[in-house]
Amino acid sequence: MKPAVMTMDLQLLADVLRENNCTSLINAIAEKDFQVAQMLDVLIVEDKWEDDI
């Protein structure tokens, strides 16, 4: 998988998780792949910050 495609997939997943307040799912992902969970968390926080501007 190309990195750009993975980033788009992670962004879509982050958007869905943010909209549904699914922090427990991020925690479950962190148990399997901590780096992916960190990226999702960063994407969600960045999206919230941009929405507040």
PDB file of N, CA and C in Angstrom:
ATOM      1  N   MET A   1       0.844  -1.173   0.000  1.00  0.00           N
ATOM      2  CA  MET A   1       0.000   0.000   0.000  1.00  0.00           C
ATOM      3  C   MET A   1       0.892   1.241   0.000  1.00  0.00           C
ATOM      4  N   LYS A   2       0.543   2.193  -0.799  1.00  0.00           N
ATOM      5  CA  LYS A   2       1.311   3.432  -0.869  1.00  0.00           C
ATOM      6  C   LYS A   2       1.033   4.289   0.364  1.00  0.00           C
ATOM      7  N   PRO A   3       2.037   5.012   0.863  1.00  0.00           N
ATOM      8  CA  PRO A   3       1.835   5.854   2.048  1.00  0.00           C
ATOM      9  C   PRO A   3       0.712   6.876   1.891  1.00  0.00           C
ATOM     10  N   ALA A   4       0.571   7.471   0.726  1.00  0.00           N
ATOM     11  CA  ALA A   4      -0.483   8.470   0.518  1.00  0.00           C
ATOM     12  C   ALA A   4      -1.864   7.845   0.670  1.00  0.00           C
ATOM     13  N   VAL A   5      -2.021   6.626   0.165  1.00  0.00           N
ATOM     14  CA  VAL A   5      -3.303   5.938   0.286  1.00  0.00           C
ATOM     15  C   VAL A   5      -3.576   5.614   1.746  1.00  0.00           C
ATOM     16  N   MET A   6      -2.547   5.148   2.452  1.00  0.00           N
ATOM     17  CA  MET A   6      -2.708   4.830   3.861  1.00  0.00           C
ATOM     18  C   MET A   6      -3.103   6.078   4.645  1.00  0.00           C
ATOM     19  N   THR A   7      -2.496   7.201   4.343  1.00  0.00           N
ATOM     20  CA  THR A   7      -2.818   8.445   5.032  1.00  0.00           C
ATOM     21  C   THR A   7      -4.267   8.831   4.793  1.00  0.00           C
ATOM     22  N   MET A   8      -4.750   8.683   3.568  1.00  0.00           N
ATOM     23  CA  MET A   8      -6.145   9.002   3.268  1.00  0.00           C
ATOM     24  C   MET A   8      -7.072   8.065   4.027  1.00  0.00           C
ATOM     25  N   ASP A   9      -6.734   6.773   4.085  1.00  0.00           N
ATOM     26  CA  ASP A   9      -7.548   5.818   4.821  1.00  0.00           C
ATOM     27  C   ASP A   9      -7.567   6.158   6.307  1.00  0.00           C
ATOM     28  N   LEU A  10      -6.411   6.523   6.854  1.00  0.00           N
ATOM     29  CA  LEU A  10      -6.345   6.904   8.259  1.00  0.00           C
ATOM     30  C   LEU A  10      -7.134   8.182   8.517  1.00  0.00           C
ATOM     31  N   GLN A  11      -7.082   9.123   7.586  1.00  0.00           N
ATOM     32  CA  GLN A  11      -7.841  10.364   7.753  1.00  0.00           C
ATOM     33  C   GLN A  11      -9.337  10.076   7.760  1.00  0.00           C
ATOM     34  N   LEU A  12      -9.782   9.211   6.860  1.00  0.00           N
ATOM     35  CA  LEU A  12     -11.200   8.842   6.822  1.00  0.00           C
ATOM     36  C   LEU A  12     -11.605   8.161   8.122  1.00  0.00           C
ATOM     37  N   LEU A  13     -10.774   7.230   8.593  1.00  0.00           N
ATOM     38  CA  LEU A  13     -11.063   6.547   9.849  1.00  0.00           C
ATOM     39  C   LEU A  13     -11.079   7.533  11.012  1.00  0.00           C
ATOM     40  N   ALA A  14     -10.135   8.461  11.024  1.00  0.00           N
ATOM     41  CA  ALA A  14     -10.093   9.473  12.082  1.00  0.00           C
ATOM     42  C   ALA A  14     -11.359  10.322  12.069  1.00  0.00           C
ATOM     43  N   ASP A  15     -11.826  10.700  10.883  1.00  0.00           N
ATOM     44  CA  ASP A  15     -13.052  11.497  10.767  1.00  0.00           C
ATOM     45  C   ASP A  15     -14.254  10.745  11.335  1.00  0.00           C
ATOM     46  N   VAL A  16     -14.357   9.469  10.987  1.00  0.00           N
ATOM     47  CA  VAL A  16     -15.479   8.652  11.466  1.00  0.00           C
ATOM     48  C   VAL A  16     -15.416   8.496  12.981  1.00  0.00           C
ATOM     49  N   LEU A  17     -14.218   8.205  13.497  1.00  0.00           N
ATOM     50  CA  LEU A  17     -14.071   8.038  14.942  1.00  0.00           C
ATOM     51  C   LEU A  17     -14.383   9.335  15.679  1.00  0.00           C
ATOM     52  N   ARG A  18     -13.915  10.458  15.142  1.00  0.00           N
ATOM     53  CA  ARG A  18     -14.163  11.754  15.785  1.00  0.00           C
ATOM     54  C   ARG A  18     -15.657  12.061  15.817  1.00  0.00           C
ATOM     55  N   GLU A  19     -16.339  11.832  14.704  1.00  0.00           N
ATOM     56  CA  GLU A  19     -17.763  12.133  14.627  1.00  0.00           C
ATOM     57  C   GLU A  19     -18.583  11.264  15.574  1.00  0.00           C
ATOM     58  N   ASN A  20     -18.101  10.056  15.839  1.00  0.00           N
ATOM     59  CA  ASN A  20     -18.854   9.125  16.679  1.00  0.00           C
ATOM     60  C   ASN A  20     -18.295   9.003  18.096  1.00  0.00           C
ATOM     61  N   ASN A  21     -17.309   9.852  18.423  1.00  0.00           N
ATOM     62  CA  ASN A  21     -16.695   9.831  19.757  1.00  0.00           C
ATOM     63  C   ASN A  21     -16.285   8.420  20.174  1.00  0.00           C
ATOM     64  N   CYS A  22     -15.556   7.744  19.310  1.00  0.00           N
ATOM     65  CA  CYS A  22     -15.169   6.349  19.540  1.00  0.00           C
ATOM     66  C   CYS A  22     -13.756   6.233  20.115  1.00  0.00           C
ATOM     67  N   THR A  23     -13.513   6.873  21.235  1.00  0.00           N
ATOM     68  CA  THR A  23     -12.177   6.798  21.823  1.00  0.00           C
ATOM     69  C   THR A  23     -11.851   5.390  22.294  1.00  0.00           C
ATOM     70  N   SER A  24     -12.863   4.613  22.668  1.00  0.00           N
ATOM     71  CA  SER A  24     -12.602   3.239  23.102  1.00  0.00           C
ATOM     72  C   SER A  24     -12.060   2.402  21.946  1.00  0.00           C
ATOM     73  N   LEU A  25     -12.487   2.706  20.720  1.00  0.00           N
ATOM     74  CA  LEU A  25     -11.963   1.984  19.563  1.00  0.00           C
ATOM     75  C   LEU A  25     -10.499   2.334  19.327  1.00  0.00           C
ATOM     76  N   ILE A  26     -10.135   3.591  19.533  1.00  0.00           N
ATOM     77  CA  ILE A  26      -8.729   3.981  19.402  1.00  0.00           C
ATOM     78  C   ILE A  26      -7.896   3.231  20.435  1.00  0.00           C
ATOM     79  N   ASN A  27      -8.419   3.091  21.649  1.00  0.00           N
ATOM     80  CA  ASN A  27      -7.700   2.344  22.679  1.00  0.00           C
ATOM     81  C   ASN A  27      -7.527   0.885  22.277  1.00  0.00           C
ATOM     82  N   ALA A  28      -8.544   0.295  21.667  1.00  0.00           N
ATOM     83  CA  ALA A  28      -8.444  -1.090  21.210  1.00  0.00           C
ATOM     84  C   ALA A  28      -7.418  -1.215  20.086  1.00  0.00           C
ATOM     85  N   ILE A  29      -7.391  -0.236  19.189  1.00  0.00           N
ATOM     86  CA  ILE A  29      -6.397  -0.233  18.113  1.00  0.00           C
ATOM     87  C   ILE A  29      -5.001  -0.110  18.706  1.00  0.00           C
ATOM     88  N   ALA A  30      -4.858   0.697  19.748  1.00  0.00           N
ATOM     89  CA  ALA A  30      -3.550   0.903  20.381  1.00  0.00           C
ATOM     90  C   ALA A  30      -2.991  -0.394  20.946  1.00  0.00           C
ATOM     91  N   GLU A  31      -3.861  -1.284  21.396  1.00  0.00           N
ATOM     92  CA  GLU A  31      -3.394  -2.571  21.911  1.00  0.00           C
ATOM     93  C   GLU A  31      -2.744  -3.398  20.809  1.00  0.00           C
ATOM     94  N   LYS A  32      -3.202  -3.235  19.578  1.00  0.00           N
ATOM     95  CA  LYS A  32      -2.664  -3.998  18.448  1.00  0.00           C
ATOM     96  C   LYS A  32      -1.548  -3.255  17.722  1.00  0.00           C
ATOM     97  N   ASP A  33      -1.725  -1.967  17.503  1.00  0.00           N
ATOM     98  CA  ASP A  33      -0.748  -1.186  16.740  1.00  0.00           C
ATOM     99  C   ASP A  33      -0.708   0.233  17.291  1.00  0.00           C
ATOM    100  N   PHE A  34       0.238   0.474  18.189  1.00  0.00           N
ATOM    101  CA  PHE A  34       0.312   1.746  18.895  1.00  0.00           C
ATOM    102  C   PHE A  34       0.567   2.906  17.942  1.00  0.00           C
ATOM    103  N   GLN A  35       1.400   2.712  16.922  1.00  0.00           N
ATOM    104  CA  GLN A  35       1.714   3.802  15.995  1.00  0.00           C
ATOM    105  C   GLN A  35       0.481   4.249  15.220  1.00  0.00           C
ATOM    106  N   VAL A  36      -0.323   3.311  14.772  1.00  0.00           N
ATOM    107  CA  VAL A  36      -1.551   3.667  14.048  1.00  0.00           C
ATOM    108  C   VAL A  36      -2.491   4.430  14.980  1.00  0.00           C
ATOM    109  N   ALA A  37      -2.619   3.967  16.207  1.00  0.00           N
ATOM    110  CA  ALA A  37      -3.484   4.655  17.165  1.00  0.00           C
ATOM    111  C   ALA A  37      -2.991   6.075  17.423  1.00  0.00           C
ATOM    112  N   GLN A  38      -1.680   6.253  17.517  1.00  0.00           N
ATOM    113  CA  GLN A  38      -1.131   7.597  17.713  1.00  0.00           C
ATOM    114  C   GLN A  38      -1.454   8.496  16.528  1.00  0.00           C
ATOM    115  N   MET A  39      -1.298   7.963  15.316  1.00  0.00           N
ATOM    116  CA  MET A  39      -1.602   8.762  14.122  1.00  0.00           C
ATOM    117  C   MET A  39      -3.076   9.154  14.097  1.00  0.00           C
ATOM    118  N   LEU A  40      -3.956   8.210  14.431  1.00  0.00           N
ATOM    119  CA  LEU A  40      -5.388   8.516  14.469  1.00  0.00           C
ATOM    120  C   LEU A  40      -5.682   9.599  15.496  1.00  0.00           C
ATOM    121  N   ASP A  41      -5.066   9.475  16.658  1.00  0.00           N
ATOM    122  CA  ASP A  41      -5.283  10.459  17.709  1.00  0.00           C
ATOM    123  C   ASP A  41      -4.834  11.845  17.261  1.00  0.00           C
ATOM    124  N   VAL A  42      -3.688  11.921  16.605  1.00  0.00           N
ATOM    125  CA  VAL A  42      -3.178  13.204  16.100  1.00  0.00           C
ATOM    126  C   VAL A  42      -4.120  13.767  15.042  1.00  0.00           C
ATOM    127  N   LEU A  43      -4.572  12.925  14.121  1.00  0.00           N
ATOM    128  CA  LEU A  43      -5.482  13.392  13.073  1.00  0.00           C
ATOM    129  C   LEU A  43      -6.789  13.909  13.669  1.00  0.00           C
ATOM    130  N   ILE A  44      -7.300  13.228  14.677  1.00  0.00           N
ATOM    131  CA  ILE A  44      -8.550  13.651  15.307  1.00  0.00           C
ATOM    132  C   ILE A  44      -8.362  14.982  16.011  1.00  0.00           C
ATOM    133  N   VAL A  45      -7.275  15.123  16.753  1.00  0.00           N
ATOM    134  CA  VAL A  45      -7.004  16.377  17.467  1.00  0.00           C
ATOM    135  C   VAL A  45      -6.824  17.520  16.479  1.00  0.00           C
ATOM    136  N   GLU A  46      -6.088  17.280  15.384  1.00  0.00           N
ATOM    137  CA  GLU A  46      -5.892  18.324  14.373  1.00  0.00           C
ATOM    138  C   GLU A  46      -7.221  18.737  13.760  1.00  0.00           C
ATOM    139  N   ASP A  47      -8.094  17.774  13.479  1.00  0.00           N
ATOM    140  CA  ASP A  47      -9.402  18.087  12.902  1.00  0.00           C
ATOM    141  C   ASP A  47     -10.241  18.911  13.865  1.00  0.00           C
ATOM    142  N   LYS A  48     -10.219  18.569  15.141  1.00  0.00           N
ATOM    143  CA  LYS A  48     -10.989  19.332  16.128  1.00  0.00           C
ATOM    144  C   LYS A  48     -10.462  20.753  16.215  1.00  0.00           C
ATOM    145  N   TRP A  49      -9.141  20.912  16.180  1.00  0.00           N
ATOM    146  CA  TRP A  49      -8.533  22.233  16.270  1.00  0.00           C
ATOM    147  C   TRP A  49      -8.923  23.072  15.060  1.00  0.00           C
ATOM    148  N   GLU A  50      -8.904  22.478  13.857  1.00  0.00           N
ATOM    149  CA  GLU A  50      -9.270  23.200  12.639  1.00  0.00           C
ATOM    150  C   GLU A  50     -10.752  23.568  12.645  1.00  0.00           C
ATOM    151  N   ASP A  51     -11.597  22.700  13.204  1.00  0.00           N
ATOM    152  CA  ASP A  51     -13.033  22.979  13.264  1.00  0.00           C
ATOM    153  C   ASP A  51     -13.343  24.151  14.185  1.00  0.00           C
ATOM    154  N   ASP A  52     -12.510  24.350  15.212  1.00  0.00           N
ATOM    155  CA  ASP A  52     -12.745  25.422  16.181  1.00  0.00           C
ATOM    156  C   ASP A  52     -12.316  26.786  15.670  1.00  0.00           C
ATOM    157  N   ILE A  53     -11.530  26.822  14.609  1.00  0.00           N
ATOM    158  CA  ILE A  53     -11.020  28.103  14.087  1.00  0.00           C
ATOM    159  C   ILE A  53     -12.124  28.848  13.371  1.00  0.00           C
TER     160      ILE A  53
END
